[in-house]
């Protein structure tokens, strides 16, 4: 007489397979959501660091000399009767 698996074992295995892969709250869905949460947490940390950098910059720019320096470096602004020379470095290495 061959051994037949119990109907409870078969139902249990089908239930586990259903819950892991096919249910709306399945393990696969939870895994995808966990990955999305990790990605959002990384973005949150990045933006918090950027906010801190910007707050430091805003604090610096309250000083007029720092504001002038920023404007000159970023927007190439100048005072009257002043010449500005922009030097660009070539990033291509020459064979020599």
Protein backbone atom coordinates (compact mmCIF):
# COMPACT_ATOMS: atom_id res chain seq x y z
CA UNK A 1 0.00 0.00 0.00
CA UNK A 2 1.63 3.31 -1.14
CA UNK A 3 1.88 6.13 1.34
CA UNK A 4 -0.49 8.94 0.45
CA UNK A 5 0.20 12.32 1.97
CA UNK A 6 -2.41 13.43 4.41
CA UNK A 7 -5.05 15.81 3.11
CA UNK A 8 -4.08 18.19 5.92
CA UNK A 9 -0.48 18.20 4.71
CA UNK A 10 -1.58 18.97 1.15
CA UNK A 11 -3.94 21.73 2.32
CA UNK A 12 -1.20 23.14 4.57
CA UNK A 13 1.32 23.24 1.74
CA UNK A 14 -1.22 24.87 -0.59
CA UNK A 15 -2.03 27.43 2.10
CA UNK A 16 1.64 28.29 2.62
CA UNK A 17 2.26 28.61 -1.14
CA UNK A 18 -0.84 30.80 -1.47
CA UNK A 19 0.24 33.07 1.39
CA UNK A 20 3.82 33.39 0.15
CA UNK A 21 3.15 34.12 -3.50
CA UNK A 22 -0.48 34.80 -4.43
CA UNK A 23 -2.14 36.67 -1.56
CA UNK A 24 -2.39 40.48 -1.66
CA UNK A 25 -0.27 40.60 1.50
CA UNK A 26 2.20 38.04 0.22
CA UNK A 27 5.84 37.78 1.10
CA UNK A 28 6.82 39.10 -2.35
CA UNK A 29 4.74 42.25 -1.88
CA UNK A 30 6.24 42.82 1.56
CA UNK A 31 9.74 42.37 0.17
CA UNK A 32 9.10 44.97 -2.55
CA UNK A 33 7.64 47.38 -0.01
CA UNK A 34 10.64 46.89 2.30
CA UNK A 35 12.99 47.66 -0.58
CA UNK A 36 11.02 50.80 -1.38
CA UNK A 37 11.16 51.88 2.27
CA UNK A 38 14.95 51.42 2.28
CA UNK A 39 15.24 53.51 -0.88
CA UNK A 40 13.08 56.27 0.61
CA UNK A 41 15.15 56.23 3.82
CA UNK A 42 18.34 56.69 1.80
CA UNK A 43 16.76 59.61 -0.06
CA UNK A 44 15.62 61.11 3.24
CA UNK A 45 19.14 60.93 4.67
CA UNK A 46 20.59 62.46 1.49
CA UNK A 47 18.17 65.37 1.56
CA UNK A 48 18.75 65.98 5.25
CA UNK A 49 22.48 66.30 4.58
CA UNK A 50 21.76 68.67 1.68
CA UNK A 51 19.52 70.78 3.91
CA UNK A 52 22.31 71.02 6.49
CA UNK A 53 24.77 72.12 3.79
CA UNK A 54 22.31 74.73 2.54
CA UNK A 55 21.67 76.02 6.05
CA UNK A 56 25.41 76.49 6.54
CA UNK A 57 25.61 78.32 3.19
CA UNK A 58 22.67 80.58 4.10
CA UNK A 59 24.34 81.41 7.41
CA UNK A 60 27.56 82.27 5.59
CA UNK A 61 25.77 84.40 3.01
CA UNK A 62 24.37 86.69 5.70
CA UNK A 63 27.85 88.20 5.80
CA UNK A 64 28.20 90.73 2.94
CA UNK A 65 31.78 89.78 2.11
CA UNK A 66 30.79 86.11 1.78
CA UNK A 67 27.79 87.12 -0.34
CA UNK A 68 30.04 89.10 -2.69
CA UNK A 69 32.47 86.18 -2.91
CA UNK A 70 29.63 83.77 -3.72
CA UNK A 71 28.21 86.11 -6.39
CA UNK A 72 31.62 86.56 -8.01
CA UNK A 73 32.41 82.84 -8.08
CA UNK A 74 28.97 81.58 -9.10
CA UNK A 75 27.58 84.30 -11.35
CA UNK A 76 30.81 86.01 -12.43
CA UNK A 77 29.61 89.36 -11.10
CA UNK A 78 32.06 92.21 -10.74
CA UNK A 79 32.40 95.70 -9.41
CA UNK A 80 32.71 98.73 -11.66
CA UNK A 81 36.16 99.30 -13.18
CA UNK A 82 37.13 95.73 -12.47
CA UNK A 83 38.23 93.09 -14.97
CA UNK A 84 37.51 89.41 -14.51
CA UNK A 85 39.45 86.64 -16.20
CA UNK A 86 37.87 83.20 -16.36
CA UNK A 87 40.39 80.37 -16.56
CA UNK A 88 39.11 77.01 -17.69
CA UNK A 89 41.26 73.94 -17.40
CA UNK A 90 41.23 71.42 -20.24
CA UNK A 91 40.42 68.00 -18.87
CA UNK A 92 41.73 66.11 -21.90
CA UNK A 93 45.19 64.72 -21.37
CA UNK A 94 47.56 65.24 -24.26
CA UNK A 95 49.77 62.41 -25.42
CA UNK A 96 53.28 63.56 -25.01
